Every structure is written in C-alpha cells, then in structure tokens.
Amino acid sequence: MAEAAPPPQEPPGAESDPRGGLGRLSPPGWAWRWLGARRAGLRPWGSFLDQRRFGVPQNLGELWRRLGHNAERFQSNYLLLFLALLAYCLLSSPLLLVALGVFFGVAVRLRARETPLVLLGRELSPAHQLGVAAGVSLPLFWLAGAGAALFWLLGAALVFLGSHAAFRELEPPESEELQMEPV
C-alpha cells in the first residue's frame, strides 16, 4: 500500500506571521504600530478645514505658538496631505515612476537572492547591494528629474501645510481654570 504524501510545510514562522507570510518584504512590527498611532491621531477633516478658525496671528510669538501647536495637533492630517502631494508628484511624472520601479525591483531582487552577491571577487553586504540598486537606477532618476520633483514636493508641502499651521487659530483651552491674557 502506498503512503500518502506529507502535507506541504510552511516556512518557519509563517503560521505566526500577522502580515500574511510576507516574511522579510513586509514592514516590521514597529512600523505597523507607528501607522496605527498616526491613524488614531487623524483629526476630522471638517475641523481641519473650518474656515471660521483661520486668522492672521497678532505677533511673532503667537505665530510660533500656532505653528508648534497645530503641527502637533494635526500631525496625522499633515502626513496624509504630504502623502497625497507625493502621490500627485509621482503620478504626474511617469518616468519617475519607472525609475522608482527599477530601483525597488533591483533592490528586492538583490535581497531575495539565495546566494550573496559577489562583485569583483568580494561579497557585498545588504547596504552595498542597495548602493548597487541606486547606482543602476541613478541615470533614470536623473532623466526623470527626481531632484526637481523632490524640491517641488518639499516646497508645496511647506507652503500649504505651513500656511495652515500658521493661520489656523489655537483651540480654546478645555479646562475652566483661570487663564492669563498676554499683555
């Protein structure tokens, strides 16, 4: 009588992997926790865009207080808007998408190799392998205008998000304590 074939074995740790067995290609646990904290800190968009809460700061001290308070209070909203600007920047430049695809394709392919990469008789570390991936895709980044796209992204984020943080008034204090007014 023929024996039944044993069931296929899963890779070690796959049964306890909450990321669906993606292994080393998925983000680590700290990234999932950070993402959960950003998601929990997201403020309602109605409150974020409430036009009645905008005004010109009275002085430089109030401007700095607004910048600090609003940057902390709306950090998750600002991050989401930054990612939306990033997506717009990438989608409006198809060659930049191709360059990023080449970079990540080469990087993933190098990291997924069973045998270490040997170049000129020397075994390359993972950091050096990423350097090889960057070197291969650098001409494409240059042709795609990645530098201009990066500075556009930083400038647009600074103008839009900085303007919101500077002109959005501070929330009134929630406590009923005696408050001192600035002189």
Protein backbone atom coordinates (compact mmCIF):
# COMPACT_ATOMS: atom_id res chain seq x y z
CA MET A 1 0.00 0.00 0.00
CA ALA A 2 1.38 3.42 -0.98
CA GLU A 3 1.86 6.04 1.71
CA ALA A 4 0.17 9.43 1.38
CA ALA A 5 2.46 12.33 0.64
CA PRO A 6 3.15 14.52 3.66
CA PRO A 7 1.38 17.89 3.69
CA PRO A 8 3.45 20.78 2.32
CA GLN A 9 5.47 22.50 5.00
CA GLU A 10 5.17 26.23 5.54
CA PRO A 11 8.26 28.35 6.08
CA PRO A 12 9.27 28.71 9.72
CA GLY A 13 7.30 31.45 11.47
CA ALA A 14 4.67 31.71 8.71
CA GLU A 15 1.89 30.40 10.94
CA SER A 16 2.51 33.17 13.48
CA ASP A 17 3.21 35.93 10.95
CA PRO A 18 0.39 38.52 11.21
CA ARG A 19 1.44 40.01 7.86
CA GLY A 20 0.20 37.03 5.90
CA GLY A 21 3.52 35.25 5.44
CA LEU A 22 5.20 38.04 3.50
CA GLY A 23 8.30 37.48 5.57
CA ARG A 24 11.09 39.98 5.19
CA LEU A 25 9.36 42.02 2.46
CA SER A 26 6.66 43.36 4.79
CA PRO A 27 7.14 46.22 7.27
CA PRO A 28 8.32 45.32 10.79
CA GLY A 29 6.03 45.45 13.82
CA TRP A 30 7.16 48.93 14.89
CA ALA A 31 6.05 50.30 11.51
CA TRP A 32 2.56 48.84 11.98
CA ARG A 33 2.37 50.38 15.48
CA TRP A 34 3.52 53.77 14.17
CA LEU A 35 0.96 53.62 11.37
CA GLY A 36 -1.78 52.73 13.88
CA ALA A 37 -0.81 55.71 16.05
CA ARG A 38 -0.93 58.06 13.03
CA ARG A 39 -4.34 56.67 12.08
CA ALA A 40 -5.64 57.16 15.62
CA GLY A 41 -4.36 60.77 15.66
CA LEU A 42 -6.18 61.76 12.48
CA ARG A 43 -8.44 64.78 13.18
CA PRO A 44 -11.81 65.21 11.43
CA TRP A 45 -11.46 66.99 8.11
CA GLY A 46 -14.35 69.32 8.96
CA SER A 47 -12.41 70.60 11.96
CA PHE A 48 -9.19 70.73 9.95
CA LEU A 49 -10.74 72.89 7.20
CA ASP A 50 -13.12 75.00 9.34
CA GLN A 51 -12.77 78.46 7.75
CA ARG A 52 -14.07 80.26 10.86
CA ARG A 53 -10.94 79.12 12.74
CA PHE A 54 -8.46 80.90 10.46
CA GLY A 55 -6.99 84.33 11.13
CA VAL A 56 -3.81 86.35 10.98
CA PRO A 57 -1.56 85.98 14.05
CA GLN A 58 -1.26 89.13 16.19
CA ASN A 59 2.51 88.91 16.67
CA LEU A 60 5.52 86.69 16.09
CA GLY A 61 5.10 84.89 19.44
CA GLU A 62 1.57 83.87 18.54
CA LEU A 63 2.75 82.70 15.12
CA TRP A 64 5.32 80.38 16.72
CA ARG A 65 2.74 79.07 19.23
CA ARG A 66 0.32 78.35 16.40
CA LEU A 67 2.98 76.59 14.34
CA GLY A 68 4.02 74.36 17.23
CA HIS A 69 0.50 73.62 18.47
CA ASN A 70 -1.03 72.96 15.05
CA ALA A 71 1.94 70.89 13.87
CA GLU A 72 1.45 68.65 16.90
CA ARG A 73 -2.36 68.61 16.81
CA PHE A 74 -2.73 67.96 13.06
CA GLN A 75 0.40 65.85 12.55
CA SER A 76 -1.53 62.91 11.08
CA ASN A 77 -3.55 65.16 8.76
CA TYR A 78 -0.37 66.86 7.56
CA LEU A 79 1.24 63.48 6.93
CA LEU A 80 -1.74 62.34 4.88
CA LEU A 81 -1.69 65.55 2.82
CA PHE A 82 2.07 65.16 2.31
CA LEU A 83 1.49 61.62 1.02
CA ALA A 84 -1.25 62.95 -1.30
CA LEU A 85 1.20 65.54 -2.68
CA LEU A 86 3.77 62.76 -3.09
CA ALA A 87 1.27 60.61 -4.99
CA TYR A 88 0.38 63.56 -7.25
CA CYS A 89 4.08 64.20 -7.89
CA LEU A 90 4.70 60.56 -8.80
CA LEU A 91 1.60 60.15 -10.94
CA SER A 92 2.32 63.33 -12.89
CA SER A 93 5.78 62.04 -13.83
CA PRO A 94 5.60 58.58 -15.43
CA LEU A 95 9.37 58.37 -15.95
CA LEU A 96 9.88 58.94 -12.23
CA LEU A 97 7.54 56.01 -11.59
CA VAL A 98 9.62 53.88 -13.94
CA ALA A 99 12.84 54.93 -12.16
CA LEU A 100 11.35 54.05 -8.76
CA GLY A 101 10.11 50.73 -10.16
CA VAL A 102 13.60 49.90 -11.43
CA PHE A 103 15.18 50.86 -8.11
CA PHE A 104 12.78 48.80 -5.99
CA GLY A 105 12.81 45.93 -8.48
CA VAL A 106 16.59 45.69 -8.39
CA ALA A 107 16.66 46.11 -4.59
CA VAL A 108 14.05 43.39 -3.99
CA ARG A 109 15.70 41.06 -6.48
CA LEU A 110 19.10 41.52 -4.82
CA ARG A 111 17.68 40.94 -1.32
CA ALA A 112 15.74 37.87 -2.41
CA ARG A 113 18.84 36.09 -3.77
CA GLU A 114 19.67 32.84 -2.04
CA THR A 115 23.39 33.31 -2.56
CA PRO A 116 25.17 36.53 -1.64
CA LEU A 117 26.05 38.90 -4.45
CA VAL A 118 29.73 38.77 -5.38
CA LEU A 119 31.20 41.67 -7.31
CA LEU A 120 34.88 41.73 -8.34
CA GLY A 121 35.57 38.81 -6.01
CA ARG A 122 34.07 40.48 -2.93
CA GLU A 123 30.83 39.56 -1.22
CA LEU A 124 28.53 42.59 -0.91
CA SER A 125 26.65 43.39 2.29
CA PRO A 126 22.93 44.31 2.12
CA ALA A 127 23.82 48.01 2.39
CA HIS A 128 26.23 47.72 -0.53
CA GLN A 129 23.59 45.84 -2.51
CA LEU A 130 21.21 48.80 -2.04
CA GLY A 131 24.05 51.00 -3.28
CA VAL A 132 24.26 48.85 -6.41
CA ALA A 133 20.49 49.23 -6.90
CA ALA A 134 20.82 53.01 -6.53
CA GLY A 135 23.74 53.08 -8.94
CA VAL A 136 21.79 51.14 -11.56
CA SER A 137 18.75 53.40 -11.29
CA LEU A 138 20.59 56.72 -10.79
CA PRO A 139 20.65 57.59 -14.52
CA LEU A 140 16.89 57.05 -14.67
CA PHE A 141 16.35 59.28 -11.63
CA TRP A 142 18.45 61.97 -13.29
CA LEU A 143 16.50 61.72 -16.55
CA ALA A 144 13.17 61.76 -14.70
CA GLY A 145 14.06 64.96 -12.84
CA ALA A 146 13.87 63.42 -9.39
CA GLY A 147 15.68 66.39 -7.83
CA ALA A 148 13.17 68.87 -9.21
CA ALA A 149 10.30 66.65 -8.10
CA LEU A 150 11.76 66.40 -4.60
CA PHE A 151 12.16 70.16 -4.26
CA TRP A 152 8.65 70.74 -5.66
CA LEU A 153 7.25 68.31 -3.10
CA LEU A 154 9.09 69.94 -0.20
CA GLY A 155 8.14 73.45 -1.35
CA ALA A 156 4.48 72.63 -1.87
CA ALA A 157 4.27 70.88 1.48
CA LEU A 158 5.97 73.79 3.24
CA VAL A 159 3.66 76.37 1.64
CA PHE A 160 0.35 74.52 2.06
CA LEU A 161 0.92 72.82 5.40
CA GLY A 162 2.92 75.71 6.86
CA SER A 163 0.19 78.17 5.87
CA HIS A 164 -2.45 76.04 7.54
CA ALA A 165 -0.39 75.73 10.72
CA ALA A 166 0.37 79.45 10.81
CA PHE A 167 -3.12 80.79 10.11
CA ARG A 168 -5.30 78.28 11.98
CA GLU A 169 -6.17 79.70 15.37
CA LEU A 170 -5.42 77.78 18.54
CA GLU A 171 -8.16 75.70 20.09
CA PRO A 172 -9.67 77.25 23.21
CA PRO A 173 -8.46 75.58 26.39
CA GLU A 174 -10.73 72.78 27.56
CA SER A 175 -10.25 73.45 31.28
CA GLU A 176 -12.21 76.05 33.20
CA GLU A 177 -9.11 77.25 35.02
CA LEU A 178 -8.18 80.90 35.28
CA GLN A 179 -6.24 81.87 32.17
CA MET A 180 -3.72 84.72 31.96
CA GLU A 181 -4.00 87.03 28.96
CA PRO A 182 -0.87 88.25 27.19
CA VAL A 183 -0.11 91.94 27.69
